[in-house]
Amino acid sequence: MTSIVIPAHNEGRVIGRLLDALLSEPSGAPASGPDIVVVCNGCTDDTAAVAAARGPRVRVVEIPTPSKHRALRVGDEHARGFPRLYVDADVVVGAADVRALSDALAGSPALLAAAPGRDIPLDACAWPVRAYYRVWQLLPAVREGLFGRGVIAVSEPGHARLAALPPLMADDLAASLAFAPGERRVVESARVVVLPPRTWGDLIKRRVRAATSSAELERFQAARASGPEETPPSARTGTGDLRALLRAQPRLLPGVVVFVVAALAARRGSRKAIRSGDFSTWLRDESSRQD
């Protein structure tokens, strides 16, 4: 049985659309669907009530601690099977997409982790946000990695790999880098809708969080490295990536400028947290959670 674990902290405004997509089956599809566990962690809104209203196929677990890592572990305790999907509450992925990911893992023993192709609707976003994401989506690490999708599916051996990771803010990036390229796959036939921030300010919040969490992950990798000669896997974007993108598509120059400005702003905004070792403050954008 495929299990889906959804950690949710104050996601009452958006979790319904995800659950409706997961529970929606086309005619002729199997009557029974995946095992769905929603772990409401430290919620002060109606997340639990909204999830429970979707019926008996959705099991709701409530814990008092607002911790995504703890919610994932509690979800594992209640989940019933494999493949297992970890799904963020603010994305939208459907039942058919879940099956495509499960089938990919079942069809290849060497494949330990998979994620869907991402769709990012940009029509409601400010123009700098649109420019940023048009560049971001074309970067090699972004195209090939499992992070930034809000959905990661693992086999049972893949789950053992994830369970060994410490609590990190960049949980999806750490999960992606935990697997070698031959052990992970982006399944483009499965799709997830990732709602982007609509405003420049909320984009910078996301990027500051990403810069802070990447620094934490790099500290962890450095501490675990066996020697100075070991180069840990990385998904950082270098100037060479941007130059290659411009050579291939010169018209992206305005977007690359916006991307660089956002990166510099995020680096500046993350300095205080990195210096103080604050890797727990979660800068959340609210504009992506608007109706």
Protein backbone atom coordinates (compact mmCIF):
# COMPACT_ATOMS: atom_id res chain seq x y z
CA MET A 1 0.00 0.00 0.00
CA THR A 2 1.29 3.44 -0.90
CA SER A 3 1.36 5.80 2.07
CA ILE A 4 1.32 9.60 1.95
CA VAL A 5 2.56 11.65 4.91
CA ILE A 6 1.56 15.33 4.96
CA PRO A 7 3.10 17.54 7.67
CA ALA A 8 0.89 20.58 8.17
CA HIS A 9 1.40 23.64 10.37
CA ASN A 10 -1.48 26.13 10.14
CA GLU A 11 -2.38 25.12 6.59
CA GLY A 12 -6.16 25.29 6.94
CA ARG A 13 -6.41 27.68 3.98
CA VAL A 14 -4.72 25.34 1.50
CA ILE A 15 -4.70 21.73 2.67
CA GLY A 16 -8.21 21.11 1.36
CA ARG A 17 -7.18 21.62 -2.26
CA LEU A 18 -4.34 19.08 -1.86
CA LEU A 19 -6.55 16.47 -0.21
CA ASP A 20 -9.30 16.95 -2.81
CA ALA A 21 -6.74 16.29 -5.56
CA LEU A 22 -5.41 13.19 -3.79
CA LEU A 23 -8.90 11.83 -3.23
CA SER A 24 -10.18 12.56 -6.73
CA GLU A 25 -10.18 9.46 -8.89
CA PRO A 26 -11.22 9.24 -12.55
CA SER A 27 -13.85 6.72 -13.54
CA GLY A 28 -12.43 3.23 -13.78
CA ALA A 29 -9.71 3.88 -11.19
CA PRO A 30 -9.33 1.53 -8.20
CA ALA A 31 -11.89 2.15 -5.47
CA SER A 32 -9.28 2.15 -2.75
CA GLY A 33 -6.55 4.75 -2.81
CA PRO A 34 -3.34 5.42 -0.91
CA ASP A 35 -3.08 5.60 2.85
CA ILE A 36 -3.08 9.34 3.76
CA VAL A 37 -1.78 10.63 7.10
CA VAL A 38 -1.98 14.35 7.91
CA VAL A 39 0.19 15.34 10.87
CA CYS A 40 -0.99 18.66 12.25
CA ASN A 41 1.98 20.02 14.18
CA GLY A 42 1.48 22.93 16.56
CA CYS A 43 -1.59 24.14 14.67
CA THR A 44 -3.64 27.05 16.03
CA ASP A 45 -6.06 27.16 13.09
CA ASP A 46 -8.58 24.72 11.59
CA THR A 47 -6.11 22.52 9.69
CA ALA A 48 -7.16 19.36 11.56
CA ALA A 49 -10.86 20.03 11.04
CA VAL A 50 -10.44 20.73 7.32
CA ALA A 51 -8.44 17.52 6.86
CA ALA A 52 -10.81 15.38 8.92
CA ALA A 53 -13.78 16.65 6.91
CA ARG A 54 -12.39 14.86 3.84
CA GLY A 55 -13.58 11.54 5.24
CA PRO A 56 -12.21 8.25 6.54
CA ARG A 57 -9.48 7.89 3.92
CA VAL A 58 -7.63 10.76 5.63
CA ARG A 59 -6.22 9.98 9.07
CA VAL A 60 -5.42 13.06 11.14
CA VAL A 61 -2.75 13.02 13.85
CA GLU A 62 -2.19 16.07 16.04
CA ILE A 63 1.01 16.88 17.91
CA PRO A 64 1.68 20.03 19.98
CA THR A 65 5.16 20.78 18.62
CA PRO A 66 5.41 23.03 15.51
CA SER A 67 8.17 20.97 13.89
CA LYS A 68 8.16 19.61 10.35
CA HIS A 69 10.88 17.08 11.16
CA ARG A 70 8.94 15.77 14.16
CA ALA A 71 5.76 15.67 12.09
CA LEU A 72 7.49 13.56 9.43
CA ARG A 73 8.73 11.09 12.03
CA VAL A 74 5.28 10.85 13.64
CA GLY A 75 3.80 10.35 10.18
CA ASP A 76 6.21 7.45 9.65
CA GLU A 77 4.96 5.88 12.87
CA HIS A 78 1.39 5.93 11.55
CA ALA A 79 1.98 5.21 7.85
CA ARG A 80 1.14 1.70 6.70
CA GLY A 81 3.18 0.97 3.61
CA PHE A 82 5.60 1.66 0.77
CA PRO A 83 6.28 3.37 -1.52
CA ARG A 84 5.96 6.35 0.82
CA LEU A 85 5.39 9.92 -0.25
CA TYR A 86 6.16 13.02 1.79
CA VAL A 87 4.00 15.87 0.55
CA ASP A 88 3.97 19.51 1.63
CA ALA A 89 0.51 20.77 2.46
CA ASP A 90 0.74 23.84 0.21
CA VAL A 91 1.27 22.03 -3.12
CA VAL A 92 -1.25 20.22 -5.32
CA VAL A 93 -0.62 16.70 -6.60
CA GLY A 94 -3.26 14.26 -7.80
CA ALA A 95 -4.02 10.59 -7.34
CA ALA A 96 -2.80 9.69 -10.85
CA ASP A 97 0.50 11.44 -10.16
CA VAL A 98 0.94 9.46 -6.96
CA ARG A 99 0.42 6.25 -8.93
CA ALA A 100 2.99 7.31 -11.51
CA LEU A 101 5.59 7.88 -8.81
CA SER A 102 4.76 4.61 -7.06
CA ASP A 103 4.94 2.71 -10.35
CA ALA A 104 8.34 4.20 -11.15
CA LEU A 105 9.75 3.05 -7.81
CA ALA A 106 8.15 -0.38 -8.07
CA GLY A 107 9.46 -0.86 -11.59
CA SER A 108 13.14 -0.31 -10.79
CA PRO A 109 14.81 -1.81 -7.70
CA ALA A 110 17.82 0.49 -8.21
CA LEU A 111 15.57 3.55 -7.97
CA LEU A 112 15.24 4.67 -4.35
CA ALA A 113 13.62 8.10 -4.65
CA ALA A 114 11.46 9.97 -7.12
CA ALA A 115 9.70 13.29 -7.49
CA PRO A 116 7.22 14.72 -9.99
CA GLY A 117 7.80 17.34 -12.62
CA ARG A 118 6.84 20.78 -11.34
CA ASP A 119 4.38 23.31 -12.69
CA ILE A 120 4.70 26.84 -11.31
CA PRO A 121 1.78 29.11 -12.25
CA LEU A 122 3.17 32.64 -12.51
CA ASP A 123 0.25 34.68 -13.86
CA ALA A 124 -0.67 36.19 -10.48
CA CYS A 125 2.94 37.05 -9.58
CA ALA A 126 4.72 40.39 -9.78
CA TRP A 127 7.00 40.67 -12.84
CA PRO A 128 10.29 40.28 -10.88
CA VAL A 129 8.96 37.05 -9.39
CA ARG A 130 8.03 35.78 -12.84
CA ALA A 131 11.46 36.73 -14.16
CA TYR A 132 13.19 34.97 -11.25
CA TYR A 133 11.34 31.68 -11.67
CA ARG A 134 11.78 31.59 -15.44
CA VAL A 135 15.52 31.50 -14.81
CA TRP A 136 15.40 29.30 -11.71
CA GLN A 137 13.45 26.53 -13.44
CA LEU A 138 16.09 26.24 -16.18
CA LEU A 139 19.08 25.73 -13.88
CA PRO A 140 20.58 22.21 -14.13
CA ALA A 141 20.46 21.49 -10.39
CA VAL A 142 16.84 22.63 -10.23
CA ARG A 143 15.80 20.52 -13.21
CA GLU A 144 17.57 17.38 -11.99
CA GLY A 145 17.15 17.58 -8.20
CA LEU A 146 14.20 16.34 -6.17
CA PHE A 147 14.04 19.52 -4.08
CA GLY A 148 11.69 22.48 -4.58
CA ARG A 149 8.79 20.24 -5.59
CA GLY A 150 7.06 19.62 -2.26
CA VAL A 151 6.81 15.89 -3.03
CA ILE A 152 9.38 13.14 -2.54
CA ALA A 153 8.53 9.45 -2.96
CA VAL A 154 10.81 6.73 -1.59
CA SER A 155 10.99 2.97 -1.59
CA GLU A 156 11.56 1.13 1.68
CA PRO A 157 15.38 1.14 1.22
CA GLY A 158 15.17 4.80 0.23
CA HIS A 159 13.22 5.56 3.38
CA ALA A 160 16.02 4.01 5.46
CA ARG A 161 18.41 6.48 3.82
CA LEU A 162 16.20 9.43 4.74
CA ALA A 163 15.61 8.21 8.28
CA ALA A 164 19.36 8.47 8.92
CA LEU A 165 19.39 12.21 8.19
CA PRO A 166 19.38 14.67 11.11
CA PRO A 167 16.70 17.37 11.43
CA LEU A 168 17.64 20.03 8.87
CA MET A 169 15.77 23.08 7.64
CA ALA A 170 16.65 22.15 4.04
CA ASP A 171 14.97 18.77 4.40
CA ASP A 172 14.04 18.39 0.72
CA LEU A 173 17.50 19.44 -0.49
CA ALA A 174 19.17 17.09 1.99
CA ALA A 175 16.84 14.31 0.85
CA SER A 176 17.70 14.94 -2.80
CA LEU A 177 21.46 14.97 -2.17
CA ALA A 178 21.21 11.78 -0.09
CA PHE A 179 20.74 9.85 -3.33
CA ALA A 180 23.17 9.49 -6.20
CA PRO A 181 21.90 10.50 -9.65
CA GLY A 182 21.30 6.86 -10.56
CA GLU A 183 19.22 6.32 -7.41
CA ARG A 184 16.81 9.21 -7.94
CA ARG A 185 14.58 10.30 -10.80
CA VAL A 186 12.27 13.14 -11.74
CA VAL A 187 9.19 11.43 -13.20
CA GLU A 188 7.90 14.01 -15.68
CA SER A 189 4.69 12.06 -16.33
CA ALA A 190 3.71 12.89 -12.73
CA ARG A 191 3.06 16.59 -12.04
CA VAL A 192 2.88 18.78 -8.98
CA VAL A 193 1.65 22.37 -8.87
CA VAL A 194 3.97 24.47 -6.71
CA LEU A 195 2.38 27.80 -5.84
CA PRO A 196 5.04 30.53 -5.97
CA PRO A 197 5.16 33.68 -3.85
CA ARG A 198 3.30 36.50 -5.56
CA THR A 199 5.32 39.43 -4.23
CA TRP A 200 9.01 40.34 -4.31
CA GLY A 201 9.08 40.56 -0.51
CA ASP A 202 7.74 37.04 -0.11
CA LEU A 203 10.17 35.74 -2.73
CA ILE A 204 13.05 37.18 -0.72
CA LYS A 205 11.68 35.50 2.42
CA ARG A 206 11.84 32.16 0.61
CA ARG A 207 15.32 32.84 -0.68
CA VAL A 208 16.62 33.92 2.75
CA ARG A 209 15.23 30.69 4.17
CA ALA A 210 16.90 28.73 1.36
CA ALA A 211 20.26 30.46 1.89
CA THR A 212 20.10 29.87 5.65
CA SER A 213 19.10 26.23 5.31
CA SER A 214 21.77 25.58 2.66
CA ALA A 215 24.41 26.93 5.05
CA GLU A 216 23.18 24.56 7.75
CA LEU A 217 23.32 21.63 5.35
CA GLU A 218 26.85 22.52 4.28
CA ARG A 219 27.95 22.66 7.92
CA PHE A 220 26.51 19.19 8.43
CA GLN A 221 28.23 17.88 5.31
CA ALA A 222 31.57 19.38 6.36
CA ALA A 223 31.32 17.84 9.83
CA ARG A 224 30.58 14.44 8.34
CA ALA A 225 33.27 14.55 5.63
CA SER A 226 36.04 12.00 6.09
CA GLY A 227 38.76 14.42 5.01
CA PRO A 228 39.44 17.76 3.34
CA GLU A 229 39.74 16.08 -0.05
CA GLU A 230 36.12 14.87 0.06
CA THR A 231 33.74 17.04 -1.95
CA PRO A 232 30.18 16.70 -0.68
CA PRO A 233 27.32 16.81 -3.21
CA SER A 234 25.90 20.26 -3.82
CA ALA A 235 23.03 21.91 -5.66
CA ARG A 236 24.45 25.45 -5.57
CA THR A 237 24.18 27.57 -8.69
CA GLY A 238 27.47 29.00 -9.91
CA THR A 239 28.24 31.86 -12.27
CA GLY A 240 29.13 29.24 -14.88
CA ASP A 241 25.54 27.97 -14.83
CA LEU A 242 24.19 31.47 -15.44
CA ARG A 243 26.70 32.17 -18.22
CA ALA A 244 25.77 28.91 -19.95
CA LEU A 245 22.09 29.83 -19.68
CA LEU A 246 22.73 33.25 -21.24
CA ARG A 247 24.78 31.76 -24.07
CA ALA A 248 21.90 29.43 -24.90
CA GLN A 249 19.13 32.03 -24.36
CA PRO A 250 20.40 35.65 -24.45
CA ARG A 251 16.86 36.97 -24.05
CA LEU A 252 16.96 35.79 -20.42
CA LEU A 253 19.40 38.56 -19.47
CA PRO A 254 16.79 40.63 -17.53
CA GLY A 255 15.74 37.52 -15.64
CA VAL A 256 19.34 36.63 -14.80
CA VAL A 257 19.85 40.15 -13.42
CA VAL A 258 16.75 39.70 -11.22
CA PHE A 259 18.02 36.26 -10.14
CA VAL A 260 21.40 37.68 -9.10
CA VAL A 261 19.77 40.57 -7.20
CA ALA A 262 17.54 38.09 -5.33
CA ALA A 263 20.53 35.86 -4.53
CA LEU A 264 22.52 38.78 -3.15
CA ALA A 265 19.56 39.98 -1.08
CA ALA A 266 19.05 36.47 0.30
CA ARG A 267 22.73 36.14 1.17
CA ARG A 268 22.64 39.46 3.02
CA GLY A 269 19.38 38.59 4.77
CA SER A 270 20.65 35.22 5.97
CA ARG A 271 23.92 36.42 7.50
CA LYS A 272 22.58 37.12 10.99
CA ALA A 273 20.83 33.75 11.28
CA ILE A 274 23.90 31.90 10.00
CA ARG A 275 26.25 33.70 12.39
CA SER A 276 24.01 32.98 15.36
CA GLY A 277 23.28 29.42 14.30
CA ASP A 278 19.54 30.11 14.05
CA PHE A 279 18.38 27.33 11.76
CA SER A 280 14.88 27.02 13.19
CA THR A 281 13.18 30.34 12.34
CA TRP A 282 10.95 29.55 9.37
CA LEU A 283 10.30 32.57 7.13
CA ARG A 284 7.01 31.70 5.51
CA ASP A 285 5.48 33.58 2.63
CA GLU A 286 1.73 34.03 2.86
CA SER A 287 1.03 35.33 -0.66
CA SER A 288 1.35 31.82 -2.14
CA ARG A 289 -1.44 30.72 0.20
CA GLN A 290 -3.97 33.22 -1.13
CA ASP A 291 -7.07 31.97 -2.92
